[in-house]
Protein backbone atom coordinates (compact mmCIF):
# COMPACT_ATOMS: atom_id res chain seq x y z
CA MET A 1 16.41 12.63 -36.67
CA LYS A 2 16.15 10.09 -40.17
CA SER A 3 17.52 11.13 -43.97
CA THR A 4 17.82 9.73 -47.07
CA ASP A 5 19.98 12.51 -48.25
CA VAL A 6 23.31 9.70 -48.42
CA ARG A 7 26.17 9.71 -50.29
CA VAL A 8 28.94 7.41 -49.37
CA TRP A 9 32.97 8.08 -50.54
CA SER A 10 35.43 5.57 -51.38
CA ILE A 11 37.99 4.38 -48.73
CA ARG A 12 41.42 5.49 -47.75
CA THR A 13 43.93 4.00 -45.70
CA LYS A 14 45.47 5.82 -42.48
CA LYS A 15 49.08 5.21 -42.23
CA GLY A 16 50.61 4.36 -39.07
CA ALA A 17 52.53 1.34 -36.99
CA ARG A 18 49.50 -0.65 -38.26
CA PRO A 19 47.64 0.70 -40.86
CA SER A 20 43.63 1.28 -40.79
CA TYR A 21 41.27 1.80 -43.32
CA GLU A 22 38.70 4.72 -42.86
CA VAL A 23 35.44 4.65 -44.27
CA ARG A 24 33.72 8.44 -45.07
CA TRP A 25 29.88 9.57 -45.89
CA LYS A 26 27.40 12.12 -45.34
CA VAL A 27 24.07 11.89 -44.12
CA ALA A 28 22.38 15.28 -44.86
CA GLY A 29 25.40 16.93 -45.41
CA GLU A 30 27.03 15.92 -42.16
CA PRO A 31 30.06 13.75 -42.45
CA PHE A 32 30.79 10.75 -41.01
CA SER A 33 34.12 7.80 -40.52
CA GLN A 34 34.25 4.90 -39.55
CA THR A 35 37.68 3.07 -39.02
CA ARG A 36 38.59 -0.95 -39.94
CA LYS A 37 41.21 -3.00 -39.26
CA THR A 38 41.57 -4.73 -42.86
CA LYS A 39 40.61 -3.64 -45.93
CA ALA A 40 38.28 -6.77 -46.23
CA LEU A 41 36.00 -5.18 -43.58
CA ALA A 42 36.03 -1.39 -44.64
CA ASP A 43 34.91 -3.25 -47.81
CA SER A 44 32.15 -5.02 -46.25
CA PHE A 45 31.08 -1.92 -44.41
CA ARG A 46 31.31 0.84 -46.83
CA SER A 47 29.08 -2.41 -49.28
CA LYS A 48 26.42 -2.30 -46.36
CA LEU A 49 26.20 1.57 -46.61
CA LEU A 50 26.06 1.48 -49.94
CA ARG A 51 23.31 -1.06 -50.23
CA ALA A 52 21.08 0.75 -47.82
CA ALA A 53 21.24 3.84 -49.52
CA ARG A 54 20.44 2.21 -52.80
CA GLU A 55 17.21 0.62 -51.19
CA GLY A 56 16.29 4.13 -50.02
CA GLU A 57 16.57 2.90 -46.16
CA GLU A 58 16.56 6.13 -43.66
CA PHE A 59 19.93 6.57 -42.08
CA ASP A 60 19.48 8.34 -38.70
CA THR A 61 21.33 11.79 -38.40
CA GLU A 62 23.53 11.46 -35.18
CA SER A 63 24.76 8.63 -35.39
CA GLY A 64 25.17 8.02 -39.40
CA LEU A 65 24.26 4.48 -39.51
CA PRO A 66 20.62 3.49 -41.75
CA ASP A 67 18.05 1.79 -39.42
CA SER A 68 19.17 -1.99 -40.23
CA MET A 69 22.74 -1.03 -38.71
CA VAL A 70 21.68 1.09 -35.58
CA GLU A 71 21.97 -1.18 -32.46
CA LYS A 72 18.85 -1.21 -30.86
CA LYS A 73 18.28 -0.44 -27.26
CA ALA A 74 17.32 -3.26 -25.15
CA THR A 75 13.64 -2.26 -23.94
CA LEU A 76 13.02 -2.74 -20.62
CA SER A 77 9.95 -4.20 -19.99
CA TRP A 78 6.95 -3.67 -17.07
CA TYR A 79 7.78 -6.48 -14.94
CA ASP A 80 11.29 -6.03 -14.69
CA PHE A 81 11.07 -2.48 -13.69
CA ALA A 82 8.34 -3.15 -11.38
CA LEU A 83 11.30 -5.91 -9.75
CA THR A 84 13.87 -3.19 -9.61
CA TYR A 85 11.06 -0.98 -7.88
CA LEU A 86 9.96 -3.28 -5.43
CA ALA A 87 13.79 -3.74 -4.47
CA MET A 88 14.56 0.59 -3.71
CA LYS A 89 11.13 0.61 -1.52
CA TRP A 90 10.98 -2.65 0.63
CA PRO A 91 13.35 -1.64 2.53
CA HIS A 92 12.29 1.76 4.05
CA ALA A 93 8.34 0.58 3.67
CA ALA A 94 6.32 -0.62 6.74
CA PRO A 95 5.11 -4.15 6.25
CA ASN A 96 0.98 -3.26 6.11
CA THR A 97 3.06 -0.91 3.13
CA ARG A 98 4.67 -4.08 1.47
CA ASP A 99 1.63 -5.95 1.25
CA GLY A 100 -0.21 -2.51 -0.55
CA ILE A 101 2.54 -2.35 -3.21
CA ASN A 102 2.70 -6.07 -3.41
CA GLU A 103 -1.03 -5.97 -4.28
CA SER A 104 -0.68 -3.16 -6.55
CA LEU A 105 2.10 -4.32 -8.76
CA THR A 106 0.69 -8.09 -8.93
CA SER A 107 -2.70 -5.72 -9.92
CA VAL A 108 -0.52 -3.92 -13.10
CA THR A 109 0.98 -6.71 -13.77
CA MET A 110 -1.77 -9.08 -14.36
CA ALA A 111 -3.44 -6.44 -16.40
CA PHE A 112 0.11 -5.43 -18.68
CA LEU A 113 0.73 -9.08 -20.03
CA SER A 114 0.44 -9.58 -23.84
CA ASP A 115 -1.18 -12.42 -25.41
CA ARG A 116 1.29 -14.94 -25.24
CA PRO A 117 0.78 -18.76 -25.71
CA GLY A 118 0.67 -21.01 -22.70
CA ARG A 119 -0.54 -18.23 -20.16
CA PRO A 120 -1.84 -20.22 -16.69
CA ALA A 121 -4.90 -19.98 -15.01
CA ASP A 122 -5.48 -15.86 -13.62
CA ASN A 123 -5.58 -16.86 -10.24
CA GLU A 124 -2.25 -19.05 -10.35
CA LEU A 125 -0.54 -16.34 -11.99
CA ARG A 126 -2.31 -14.13 -8.77
CA LYS A 127 -1.00 -16.37 -6.03
CA ILE A 128 2.56 -16.53 -7.45
CA LEU A 129 3.23 -13.09 -8.39
CA ARG A 130 1.81 -12.26 -4.85
CA THR A 131 4.08 -15.17 -2.92
CA TRP A 132 6.95 -15.56 -5.36
CA ALA A 133 7.72 -12.25 -7.34
CA PHE A 134 7.11 -8.88 -5.65
CA VAL A 135 8.44 -10.41 -2.45
CA LEU A 136 12.09 -9.62 -1.07
CA PRO A 137 14.98 -11.82 -1.50
CA GLY A 138 13.10 -11.99 -4.94
CA PRO A 139 13.03 -14.62 -7.53
CA GLY A 140 16.51 -13.98 -8.57
CA GLU A 141 17.99 -14.49 -5.24
CA ARG A 142 16.43 -17.80 -4.29
CA GLU A 143 15.33 -21.15 -5.25
CA LEU A 144 12.02 -21.54 -6.96
CA PRO A 145 9.99 -24.39 -7.36
CA ILE A 146 9.91 -26.33 -10.51
CA GLU A 147 6.24 -24.87 -11.36
CA VAL A 148 6.58 -21.25 -9.91
CA GLY A 149 9.95 -20.83 -12.04
CA ASN A 150 7.96 -21.67 -15.07
CA VAL A 151 5.24 -19.33 -14.44
CA LEU A 152 7.32 -16.46 -13.41
CA HIS A 153 9.51 -16.95 -16.73
CA TRP A 154 6.38 -17.07 -18.46
CA VAL A 155 5.52 -13.66 -16.76
CA ALA A 156 8.83 -12.22 -17.56
CA LYS A 157 8.36 -12.83 -21.12
CA ALA A 158 4.78 -11.44 -21.88
CA SER A 159 5.46 -8.41 -19.65
CA ARG A 160 4.42 -5.75 -22.14
CA PRO A 161 7.59 -2.93 -21.90
CA LEU A 162 7.05 -0.24 -19.31
CA ALA A 163 7.46 2.03 -22.39
CA ASP A 164 4.10 1.21 -23.91
CA LEU A 165 3.10 3.11 -20.43
CA ALA A 166 4.07 6.08 -22.46
CA ASP A 167 0.75 5.77 -24.27
CA PRO A 168 -2.30 7.64 -22.60
CA VAL A 169 -4.69 5.03 -24.48
CA VAL A 170 -2.34 2.22 -22.67
CA GLY A 171 -1.99 4.01 -19.11
CA ARG A 172 -6.21 4.95 -19.32
CA ALA A 173 -6.47 1.30 -20.17
CA VAL A 174 -4.17 0.05 -16.89
CA LEU A 175 -5.73 2.38 -14.51
CA ASP A 176 -9.54 0.92 -15.60
CA SER A 177 -8.08 -2.29 -14.66
CA LEU A 178 -7.46 -1.24 -11.04
CA LYS A 179 -11.22 -0.78 -10.44
CA LEU A 180 -11.80 -4.56 -10.95
CA LYS A 181 -11.02 -7.41 -8.64
CA LEU A 182 -10.05 -10.64 -9.68
CA ASP A 183 -13.35 -11.70 -9.82
CA GLY A 184 -14.36 -8.85 -12.32
CA THR A 185 -16.31 -7.26 -9.47
CA ALA A 186 -15.73 -3.41 -8.52
CA ALA A 187 -13.33 -3.21 -6.11
CA ALA A 188 -13.53 -0.74 -3.12
CA ALA A 189 -12.78 3.13 -3.70
CA GLU A 190 -10.24 2.99 -1.38
CA THR A 191 -8.47 0.45 -2.43
CA VAL A 192 -8.44 1.81 -6.57
CA ARG A 193 -6.41 5.17 -4.72
CA ARG A 194 -4.32 3.02 -3.15
CA LYS A 195 -3.36 0.96 -6.12
CA ARG A 196 -3.10 4.52 -8.35
CA ARG A 197 -0.72 5.27 -5.69
CA THR A 198 1.69 2.95 -6.24
CA LEU A 199 1.52 2.97 -9.72
CA VAL A 200 2.23 6.86 -10.02
CA ASN A 201 5.04 6.39 -7.36
CA ALA A 202 6.37 3.72 -9.50
CA MET A 203 6.37 5.98 -12.60
CA ASN A 204 8.10 8.91 -11.05
CA TYR A 205 10.75 6.43 -9.93
CA ALA A 206 10.96 5.64 -13.55
CA VAL A 207 11.54 9.07 -14.71
CA ASP A 208 14.30 9.07 -11.98
CA LEU A 209 16.25 6.05 -14.19
CA GLY A 210 15.58 7.83 -16.74
CA GLU A 211 12.85 5.33 -18.38
CA PHE A 212 10.64 8.57 -19.10
CA SER A 213 10.69 12.10 -19.28
CA GLU A 214 7.96 12.77 -17.06
CA ASN A 215 5.09 10.95 -15.49
CA PRO A 216 3.23 9.35 -18.40
CA LEU A 217 0.54 8.43 -16.21
CA ALA A 218 -0.15 12.81 -15.62
CA ALA A 219 -1.39 12.76 -19.32
CA VAL A 220 -4.12 10.36 -18.88
CA ARG A 221 -7.78 11.88 -18.03
CA TRP A 222 -8.87 9.25 -15.82
CA GLN A 223 -11.69 9.71 -13.00
CA LYS A 224 -10.85 8.30 -9.55
CA PRO A 225 -13.14 6.97 -7.66
CA LYS A 226 -14.41 9.23 -4.81
CA VAL A 227 -13.48 7.77 -1.50
CA SER A 228 -15.30 8.93 1.55
CA GLY A 229 -13.38 9.93 4.70
CA GLU A 230 -16.22 10.08 7.04
CA VAL A 231 -17.26 7.61 9.62
CA ASP A 232 -20.48 6.22 8.92
CA PRO A 233 -22.85 7.22 11.72
CA ARG A 234 -24.15 3.81 12.07
CA VAL A 235 -21.24 1.79 12.98
CA VAL A 236 -21.58 4.24 16.41
CA ALA A 237 -22.64 2.19 19.68
CA ASN A 238 -24.28 4.35 21.92
CA PRO A 239 -23.24 4.14 25.85
CA GLU A 240 -25.77 1.48 26.59
CA GLN A 241 -25.07 -0.73 23.10
CA ALA A 242 -21.28 -0.43 23.97
CA ARG A 243 -21.61 -2.11 27.39
CA SER A 244 -23.74 -4.84 26.51
CA LEU A 245 -20.93 -5.74 23.59
CA LEU A 246 -18.08 -5.85 26.36
CA HIS A 247 -20.97 -7.87 28.78
CA ALA A 248 -20.91 -10.48 26.03
CA VAL A 249 -17.53 -10.84 25.41
CA SER A 250 -16.80 -12.20 28.49
CA TYR A 251 -19.15 -15.13 27.59
CA VAL A 252 -17.43 -15.66 24.27
CA GLY A 253 -15.75 -19.86 24.25
CA GLY A 254 -16.66 -20.24 27.48
CA TYR A 255 -15.75 -19.25 31.17
CA ARG A 256 -13.23 -21.89 32.03
CA ARG A 257 -10.69 -21.52 28.79
CA ALA A 258 -11.62 -18.00 29.11
CA ARG A 259 -11.27 -17.39 25.64
CA GLY A 260 -13.73 -14.25 25.75
CA ARG A 261 -12.57 -12.86 29.15
CA ARG A 262 -8.92 -12.70 28.44
CA LEU A 263 -10.18 -9.86 25.28
CA VAL A 264 -12.81 -7.88 26.94
CA GLY A 265 -9.62 -5.10 28.57
CA LEU A 266 -8.50 -5.83 24.93
CA PHE A 267 -12.37 -4.22 23.69
CA ALA A 268 -12.43 -1.79 26.71
CA GLY A 269 -9.55 -0.29 25.87
CA MET A 270 -10.91 0.76 21.93
CA TYR A 271 -14.10 1.98 23.51
CA PHE A 272 -13.44 3.24 27.23
CA GLY A 273 -9.39 4.74 25.78
CA GLY A 274 -9.89 5.35 22.01
CA PHE A 275 -7.35 2.78 21.17
CA ARG A 276 -6.14 1.94 17.61
CA PRO A 277 -6.46 -1.95 18.03
CA ALA A 278 -2.53 -2.08 17.44
CA GLU A 279 -2.06 -0.17 20.01
CA VAL A 280 -3.73 -1.74 22.66
CA VAL A 281 -2.51 -4.82 21.54
CA GLY A 282 0.48 -3.46 22.13
CA LEU A 283 -0.28 -1.79 25.64
CA ALA A 284 2.02 -3.05 28.53
CA GLU A 285 2.36 -2.58 32.16
CA PRO A 286 5.04 -0.74 32.93
CA ASP A 287 2.98 1.75 30.54
CA LEU A 288 0.09 2.07 32.35
CA THR A 289 -1.13 4.27 35.94
CA LEU A 290 -3.93 2.12 37.78
CA PRO A 291 -4.45 4.07 41.08
CA ALA A 292 -7.08 2.66 43.53
CA SER A 293 -9.93 4.91 42.58
CA GLY A 294 -10.56 7.97 40.02
CA TRP A 295 -8.65 8.15 36.23
CA GLY A 296 -5.49 6.80 35.70
CA SER A 297 -3.10 7.08 31.74
CA ALA A 298 -1.52 5.19 29.62
CA LEU A 299 1.96 6.50 27.85
CA LEU A 300 1.46 5.02 24.43
CA HIS A 301 4.74 4.26 22.50
CA ARG A 302 4.41 0.81 20.61
CA THR A 303 2.33 -0.99 18.18
CA ARG A 304 2.06 -4.39 17.41
CA PRO A 305 -0.35 -4.61 14.43
CA SER A 306 -1.32 -7.61 12.86
CA VAL A 307 0.75 -8.51 9.07
CA GLY A 308 1.88 -11.41 7.52
CA LYS A 309 4.89 -13.06 7.93
CA GLN A 310 6.33 -12.69 4.32
CA TRP A 311 6.26 -8.36 5.24
CA THR A 312 8.09 -8.51 8.46
CA ASP A 313 12.14 -8.62 8.37
CA SER A 314 11.41 -10.40 11.56
CA GLY A 315 9.62 -13.26 9.81
CA GLU A 316 6.84 -12.55 12.58
CA SER A 317 3.09 -12.27 12.10
CA HIS A 318 3.24 -9.27 13.72
CA ASP A 319 5.42 -6.04 13.89
CA ASP A 320 7.05 -3.92 16.82
CA ARG A 321 6.71 -0.28 15.63
CA GLY A 322 6.18 2.90 17.11
CA LEU A 323 3.01 5.03 16.99
CA LYS A 324 1.16 5.29 13.47
CA ASN A 325 2.33 8.51 11.79
CA ARG A 326 4.77 9.32 14.18
CA PRO A 327 8.40 9.37 15.05
CA THR A 328 9.92 6.81 16.05
CA GLU A 329 10.34 7.95 19.62
CA ASP A 330 7.32 9.49 19.76
CA VAL A 331 5.05 8.85 22.86
CA ARG A 332 1.51 10.47 23.46
CA ARG A 333 0.04 10.33 27.09
CA VAL A 334 -3.92 9.18 26.93
CA PRO A 335 -5.69 9.53 30.22
CA LEU A 336 -7.78 6.46 31.64
CA PRO A 337 -11.19 6.98 32.64
CA PRO A 338 -12.09 4.94 35.63
CA GLN A 339 -14.10 2.18 34.22
CA LEU A 340 -11.15 1.56 32.10
CA VAL A 341 -8.64 1.73 35.00
CA ASN A 342 -10.41 -1.40 36.69
CA ILE A 343 -11.29 -3.48 33.86
CA PHE A 344 -7.51 -3.14 33.04
CA SER A 345 -6.96 -3.20 37.37
CA GLU A 346 -9.15 -6.51 37.15
CA HIS A 347 -7.55 -8.20 33.53
CA ILE A 348 -3.67 -7.90 35.28
CA ASP A 349 -5.35 -9.76 38.71
CA THR A 350 -6.93 -12.29 37.03
CA PHE A 351 -4.35 -13.18 33.71
CA GLY A 352 -1.34 -11.63 34.75
CA ILE A 353 0.95 -10.49 32.46
CA ALA A 354 3.21 -11.88 29.73
CA ASP A 355 7.28 -12.21 29.58
CA ASP A 356 7.27 -8.81 28.25
CA GLY A 357 4.77 -6.78 30.04
CA ARG A 358 1.87 -6.92 27.98
CA LEU A 359 -1.10 -7.03 29.15
CA PHE A 360 -3.11 -9.27 26.29
CA PHE A 361 -1.59 -12.30 25.48
CA SER A 362 -3.08 -15.89 23.77
CA GLU A 363 -2.97 -18.83 25.56
CA SER A 364 0.55 -19.76 24.37
CA GLY A 365 2.26 -15.88 25.48
CA GLY A 366 2.00 -14.68 22.18
CA VAL A 367 0.58 -11.54 20.50
CA VAL A 368 -3.52 -11.30 19.91
CA SER A 369 -3.66 -11.89 16.69
CA SER A 370 -6.67 -9.55 14.92
CA SER A 371 -7.92 -12.77 13.20
CA THR A 372 -8.75 -13.96 17.25
CA TYR A 373 -10.25 -11.02 18.18
CA TYR A 374 -12.22 -10.53 15.23
CA ARG A 375 -13.57 -13.62 15.63
CA ALA A 376 -14.60 -13.28 19.76
CA TRP A 377 -16.10 -10.01 18.25
CA GLN A 378 -18.50 -11.14 15.72
CA GLU A 379 -19.52 -13.98 18.65
CA ALA A 380 -20.06 -11.45 21.14
CA ARG A 381 -22.77 -9.36 18.56
CA GLU A 382 -24.56 -11.72 18.00
CA LEU A 383 -24.84 -12.78 21.72
CA ALA A 384 -25.29 -9.23 22.49
CA LEU A 385 -27.39 -7.15 19.76
CA PRO A 386 -31.13 -8.36 18.31
CA PRO A 387 -31.05 -9.99 15.06
CA ALA A 388 -31.70 -6.66 12.83
CA ALA A 389 -28.76 -5.54 14.54
CA VAL A 390 -26.11 -7.86 13.92
CA ALA A 391 -27.36 -7.40 10.56
CA SER A 392 -26.99 -3.94 10.34
CA PRO A 393 -23.46 -2.34 10.54
CA LEU A 394 -23.37 -1.53 14.09
CA ALA A 395 -19.67 -1.85 15.49
CA ARG A 396 -19.48 -4.23 12.93
CA ARG A 397 -16.07 -4.57 13.38
CA PRO A 398 -13.53 -4.23 16.83
CA TYR A 399 -12.25 -0.64 15.28
CA ASP A 400 -15.66 0.46 15.49
CA LEU A 401 -15.39 0.51 19.19
CA ARG A 402 -12.64 3.76 18.55
CA HIS A 403 -15.24 5.62 16.41
CA SER A 404 -17.73 5.26 18.67
CA ALA A 405 -15.23 6.44 21.73
CA LEU A 406 -13.89 9.74 19.72
CA SER A 407 -17.77 10.72 18.71
CA THR A 408 -19.18 10.38 22.59
CA TRP A 409 -16.09 12.55 23.34
CA LEU A 410 -16.84 15.35 20.75
CA ASN A 411 -20.74 15.07 21.70
CA ALA A 412 -19.96 15.53 24.74
CA GLY A 413 -18.40 18.75 24.24
CA VAL A 414 -14.99 17.85 24.97
CA ASP A 415 -12.76 20.28 23.05
CA ALA A 416 -11.94 18.95 19.33
CA THR A 417 -8.04 19.23 20.42
CA GLU A 418 -7.87 17.30 23.12
CA VAL A 419 -9.96 14.73 21.79
CA ALA A 420 -7.59 14.87 18.58
CA GLU A 421 -4.75 15.11 21.06
CA ARG A 422 -6.08 11.66 22.88
CA ALA A 423 -6.74 9.95 20.10
CA GLY A 424 -3.48 10.74 18.39
CA ASN A 425 -5.14 12.57 15.00
CA SER A 426 -5.04 16.25 13.51
CA VAL A 427 -7.69 18.59 14.60
CA GLU A 428 -8.77 18.69 10.56
CA VAL A 429 -8.69 14.73 10.35
CA LEU A 430 -10.95 14.49 13.54
CA LEU A 431 -13.53 17.22 12.38
CA THR A 432 -13.96 15.86 9.61
CA ARG A 433 -14.35 12.08 9.40
CA TYR A 434 -16.58 12.80 12.07
CA ALA A 435 -18.80 15.27 10.81
CA LYS A 436 -21.46 13.20 10.82
CA CYS A 437 -21.65 11.24 14.61
CA LEU A 438 -21.96 14.40 16.12
CA ASP A 439 -25.77 13.52 17.09
CA GLY A 440 -27.32 16.69 19.05
CA ARG A 441 -25.42 19.20 17.54
CA GLN A 442 -27.77 20.66 15.23
CA GLU A 443 -30.75 20.17 17.53
CA VAL A 444 -27.93 22.97 20.04
CA ALA A 445 -27.33 24.95 17.05
CA ASN A 446 -31.09 25.09 15.96
CA ARG A 447 -32.12 26.72 19.98
CA ARG A 448 -29.46 28.97 19.26
CA ILE A 449 -30.16 30.29 16.30
CA GLU A 450 -33.96 30.62 17.62
CA GLU A 451 -33.08 32.20 20.50
CA LEU A 452 -30.90 34.88 18.55
CA LEU A 453 -33.90 35.38 15.93
CA ARG A 454 -36.62 36.10 18.73
CA GLU A 455 -34.36 38.74 20.67
CA TYR A 456 -35.93 40.75 16.99
CA GLU A 457 -39.00 39.70 16.71
């Protein structure tokens, strides 16, 4: 609280081995006192109190001091807080999560800079924040190029105080900025949702640090973009289309180099086994049961997601992790239909296995990168599909083969619990995501309703 009711008393000497001088005064009826080693210092302090009182300056009722003499607490900037938050989250986050946090903090930082002279170009700011600021080791723990250091010094000076986010108007403006990409066009709803989630989590951490009493974004009425969790039925390939695409992959890159032939089994694993791309990339021969005839099985426990070197602890482009959203030691057994057993067996006979047992590897023996199999898939689509289908969303991404697999199983009448177990999803997520892809289910329901009504005619 503040008050202008101030009475300054005279100085009195406090006796002892080393005499001191006490200045006493009252603010809003409450007594305060401070001591000084010499009478001159005490007189100077008393004079400052009297001058502040004469000029009508408000006094703080907790410290008893005028505003001009209250020691101002250093204000934490958003940029400094963001670096602290990153250091807390980084060690326990997966590489792809680190990438997402980095992107989110960069977006908020770009939106939370004051109008300070010498602002670098937005493209340069974003690049340096992404590459040098929001990664570990941080900018204070490694040597920076001079131009990078200059840009980050500007950012540190231009970053607004974290406390500004306590204003709902400011909070809304920052949230609105997440809806736009750097070029001013609208960002995808899923991207906005991910960035907002990081910002909300960061504000919860600010509460833990005592910077806010409660999450300031909770007071902001903001319309979140709607994110569709359903698979677009247009991306789902039917069995005939899927077989044509897999056949076309074998023609990519010519027969001798076998750029496409090396990947046929990888794509077949996504379609016939319902594997995620990172699961089939990490698939190893010891984890497979491939009989001469009939069904086989795969014991999944390892994934090799493709991420940037800056996000992994090992410094490699591919992380080596357990199954998605599962404990590290968890496994998932997936039955393999005879078609996939034959394709895997032929692949091993033709190309062998990598030194660590992996089925799919580059010409140099490395992990197959997502960019490699993505390019091959695009070439295969142009070979297998008519122009109208190439321009459509049909099987546009390799991941769409997994969507096709799960949709096919459900339409075949396989119990949803069994499909979810094979796919590594919950039943709720499975049915929600693939509700629009259950072709023919409506006709079955119509027949049953019609039969029931006919009984009462």
